[in-house]
């Protein structure tokens, strides 16, 4: 990844957790958003990365929602970036997202 300052490179390094699923999500987010992230977003990411792996996995993989609004928003953004939106996390049944077409039996 190019274009990162020293702080961005440090945050990118902290995205490597040792749990492959977390690594994939966090590194995809970092590749897409970290270079353009402002100081506030980086501070929230720093707080998120400071959480223990089981809690972080709950937020990013199991669909748990942090109580703090800024952490919840960032966790949702990371899940979306990594292809792990609410449906993929099991929070919404994918069938609920599809409206039946006319004449289709449910």
C-alpha atoms as a PDB file:
ATOM      1  CA  UNK A   1       0.000   0.000   0.000  1.00  0.00           C
ATOM      2  CA  UNK A   2       1.468   3.328  -0.991  1.00  0.00           C
ATOM      3  CA  UNK A   3       0.686   6.854   0.064  1.00  0.00           C
ATOM      4  CA  UNK A   4       0.515   6.216   3.805  1.00  0.00           C
ATOM      5  CA  UNK A   5       2.252   8.418   6.313  1.00  0.00           C
ATOM      6  CA  UNK A   6       4.018   6.955   9.352  1.00  0.00           C
ATOM      7  CA  UNK A   7       0.806   6.958  11.407  1.00  0.00           C
ATOM      8  CA  UNK A   8      -1.091   5.211   8.608  1.00  0.00           C
ATOM      9  CA  UNK A   9       1.607   2.552   8.276  1.00  0.00           C
ATOM     10  CA  UNK A  10       1.486   1.984  12.040  1.00  0.00           C
ATOM     11  CA  UNK A  11      -2.298   1.549  11.923  1.00  0.00           C
ATOM     12  CA  UNK A  12      -1.982  -0.799   8.958  1.00  0.00           C
ATOM     13  CA  UNK A  13       0.482  -2.905  10.948  1.00  0.00           C
ATOM     14  CA  UNK A  14      -1.985  -3.023  13.856  1.00  0.00           C
ATOM     15  CA  UNK A  15      -4.641  -4.376  11.469  1.00  0.00           C
ATOM     16  CA  UNK A  16      -2.700  -7.652  11.400  1.00  0.00           C
ATOM     17  CA  UNK A  17      -4.283  -9.550  14.259  1.00  0.00           C
ATOM     18  CA  UNK A  18      -3.315 -13.160  13.631  1.00  0.00           C
ATOM     19  CA  UNK A  19      -6.908 -14.271  13.079  1.00  0.00           C
ATOM     20  CA  UNK A  20      -7.290 -14.612   9.326  1.00  0.00           C
ATOM     21  CA  UNK A  21     -10.882 -13.410   9.181  1.00  0.00           C
ATOM     22  CA  UNK A  22     -10.032 -10.244  11.127  1.00  0.00           C
ATOM     23  CA  UNK A  23      -6.888  -9.704   9.066  1.00  0.00           C
ATOM     24  CA  UNK A  24      -8.855  -9.877   5.814  1.00  0.00           C
ATOM     25  CA  UNK A  25     -11.549  -7.455   6.953  1.00  0.00           C
ATOM     26  CA  UNK A  26      -9.200  -4.953   8.534  1.00  0.00           C
ATOM     27  CA  UNK A  27      -6.661  -5.005   5.704  1.00  0.00           C
ATOM     28  CA  UNK A  28      -9.394  -4.558   3.062  1.00  0.00           C
ATOM     29  CA  UNK A  29     -10.687  -1.577   4.992  1.00  0.00           C
ATOM     30  CA  UNK A  30      -7.157  -0.176   5.379  1.00  0.00           C
ATOM     31  CA  UNK A  31      -6.450  -0.584   1.651  1.00  0.00           C
ATOM     32  CA  UNK A  32      -9.627   1.259   0.715  1.00  0.00           C
ATOM     33  CA  UNK A  33      -9.963   3.934   3.362  1.00  0.00           C
ATOM     34  CA  UNK A  34      -6.865   4.485   5.479  1.00  0.00           C
ATOM     35  CA  UNK A  35      -4.961   6.819   3.135  1.00  0.00           C
ATOM     36  CA  UNK A  36      -7.925   9.212   2.995  1.00  0.00           C
ATOM     37  CA  UNK A  37      -9.006   8.790   6.630  1.00  0.00           C
ATOM     38  CA  UNK A  38      -8.906  11.960   8.670  1.00  0.00           C
ATOM     39  CA  UNK A  39      -7.548  12.271  12.203  1.00  0.00           C
ATOM     40  CA  UNK A  40     -10.916  11.538  13.848  1.00  0.00           C
ATOM     41  CA  UNK A  41     -11.483   8.330  11.875  1.00  0.00           C
ATOM     42  CA  UNK A  42      -7.929   7.233  12.631  1.00  0.00           C
ATOM     43  CA  UNK A  43      -8.494   7.880  16.349  1.00  0.00           C
ATOM     44  CA  UNK A  44     -11.645   5.740  16.280  1.00  0.00           C
ATOM     45  CA  UNK A  45      -9.746   3.004  14.403  1.00  0.00           C
ATOM     46  CA  UNK A  46      -7.005   3.196  17.036  1.00  0.00           C
ATOM     47  CA  UNK A  47      -9.606   2.630  19.765  1.00  0.00           C
ATOM     48  CA  UNK A  48     -11.186  -0.243  17.836  1.00  0.00           C
ATOM     49  CA  UNK A  49      -7.819  -1.914  17.299  1.00  0.00           C
ATOM     50  CA  UNK A  50      -7.116  -1.576  21.015  1.00  0.00           C
ATOM     51  CA  UNK A  51      -9.935  -3.994  21.822  1.00  0.00           C
ATOM     52  CA  UNK A  52      -9.188  -7.641  22.608  1.00  0.00           C
ATOM     53  CA  UNK A  53      -9.513 -10.010  19.629  1.00  0.00           C
ATOM     54  CA  UNK A  54     -12.649 -11.806  20.923  1.00  0.00           C
ATOM     55  CA  UNK A  55     -14.482  -8.497  21.331  1.00  0.00           C
ATOM     56  CA  UNK A  56     -13.244  -7.221  17.967  1.00  0.00           C
ATOM     57  CA  UNK A  57     -14.323 -10.483  16.319  1.00  0.00           C
ATOM     58  CA  UNK A  58     -17.751 -10.073  17.883  1.00  0.00           C
ATOM     59  CA  UNK A  59     -18.097  -6.623  16.367  1.00  0.00           C
ATOM     60  CA  UNK A  60     -16.686  -7.439  12.939  1.00  0.00           C
ATOM     61  CA  UNK A  61     -17.627 -11.092  12.412  1.00  0.00           C
ATOM     62  CA  UNK A  62     -20.598 -11.884  14.643  1.00  0.00           C
ATOM     63  CA  UNK A  63     -22.615  -8.720  14.087  1.00  0.00           C
ATOM     64  CA  UNK A  64     -22.440  -7.485  17.663  1.00  0.00           C
ATOM     65  CA  UNK A  65     -22.779  -3.714  17.916  1.00  0.00           C
ATOM     66  CA  UNK A  66     -20.530  -1.559  20.100  1.00  0.00           C
ATOM     67  CA  UNK A  67     -22.357   0.772  22.491  1.00  0.00           C
ATOM     68  CA  UNK A  68     -20.279   3.756  21.379  1.00  0.00           C
ATOM     69  CA  UNK A  69     -21.813   5.249  18.241  1.00  0.00           C
ATOM     70  CA  UNK A  70     -18.471   6.070  16.603  1.00  0.00           C
ATOM     71  CA  UNK A  71     -17.155   2.526  17.107  1.00  0.00           C
ATOM     72  CA  UNK A  72     -20.448   1.081  15.849  1.00  0.00           C
ATOM     73  CA  UNK A  73     -20.304   3.208  12.692  1.00  0.00           C
ATOM     74  CA  UNK A  74     -16.695   2.242  11.992  1.00  0.00           C
ATOM     75  CA  UNK A  75     -17.371  -1.458  12.623  1.00  0.00           C
ATOM     76  CA  UNK A  76     -20.258  -1.314  10.146  1.00  0.00           C
ATOM     77  CA  UNK A  77     -18.062   0.448   7.576  1.00  0.00           C
ATOM     78  CA  UNK A  78     -15.345  -2.191   7.994  1.00  0.00           C
ATOM     79  CA  UNK A  79     -17.908  -5.001   7.572  1.00  0.00           C
ATOM     80  CA  UNK A  80     -19.290  -3.354   4.414  1.00  0.00           C
ATOM     81  CA  UNK A  81     -15.805  -2.805   2.992  1.00  0.00           C
ATOM     82  CA  UNK A  82     -14.902  -6.428   3.640  1.00  0.00           C
ATOM     83  CA  UNK A  83     -18.143  -7.818   2.246  1.00  0.00           C
ATOM     84  CA  UNK A  84     -19.485  -8.634   5.684  1.00  0.00           C
ATOM     85  CA  UNK A  85     -22.594  -6.465   5.861  1.00  0.00           C
ATOM     86  CA  UNK A  86     -25.495  -7.194   8.187  1.00  0.00           C
ATOM     87  CA  UNK A  87     -26.800 -10.055   6.026  1.00  0.00           C
ATOM     88  CA  UNK A  88     -23.402 -11.744   5.864  1.00  0.00           C
ATOM     89  CA  UNK A  89     -23.049 -11.409   9.646  1.00  0.00           C
ATOM     90  CA  UNK A  90     -26.372 -13.195  10.137  1.00  0.00           C
ATOM     91  CA  UNK A  91     -28.170 -10.117  11.448  1.00  0.00           C
ATOM     92  CA  UNK A  92     -30.680 -10.123   8.585  1.00  0.00           C
ATOM     93  CA  UNK A  93     -32.038 -13.176   6.874  1.00  0.00           C
ATOM     94  CA  UNK A  94     -31.088 -12.661   3.179  1.00  0.00           C
ATOM     95  CA  UNK A  95     -34.618 -13.689   2.193  1.00  0.00           C
ATOM     96  CA  UNK A  96     -35.924 -10.599   4.024  1.00  0.00           C
ATOM     97  CA  UNK A  97     -34.018  -8.398   1.585  1.00  0.00           C
ATOM     98  CA  UNK A  98     -35.722  -9.815  -1.487  1.00  0.00           C
ATOM     99  CA  UNK A  99     -39.249  -8.700  -2.249  1.00  0.00           C
ATOM    100  CA  UNK A 100     -41.371 -11.309  -4.018  1.00  0.00           C
ATOM    101  CA  UNK A 101     -42.207 -10.557  -7.609  1.00  0.00           C
ATOM    102  CA  UNK A 102     -45.787 -10.325  -8.759  1.00  0.00           C
ATOM    103  CA  UNK A 103     -47.462 -13.722  -8.832  1.00  0.00           C
ATOM    104  CA  UNK A 104     -44.689 -15.388  -6.855  1.00  0.00           C
ATOM    105  CA  UNK A 105     -45.761 -17.563  -3.975  1.00  0.00           C
ATOM    106  CA  UNK A 106     -44.033 -17.123  -0.703  1.00  0.00           C
END
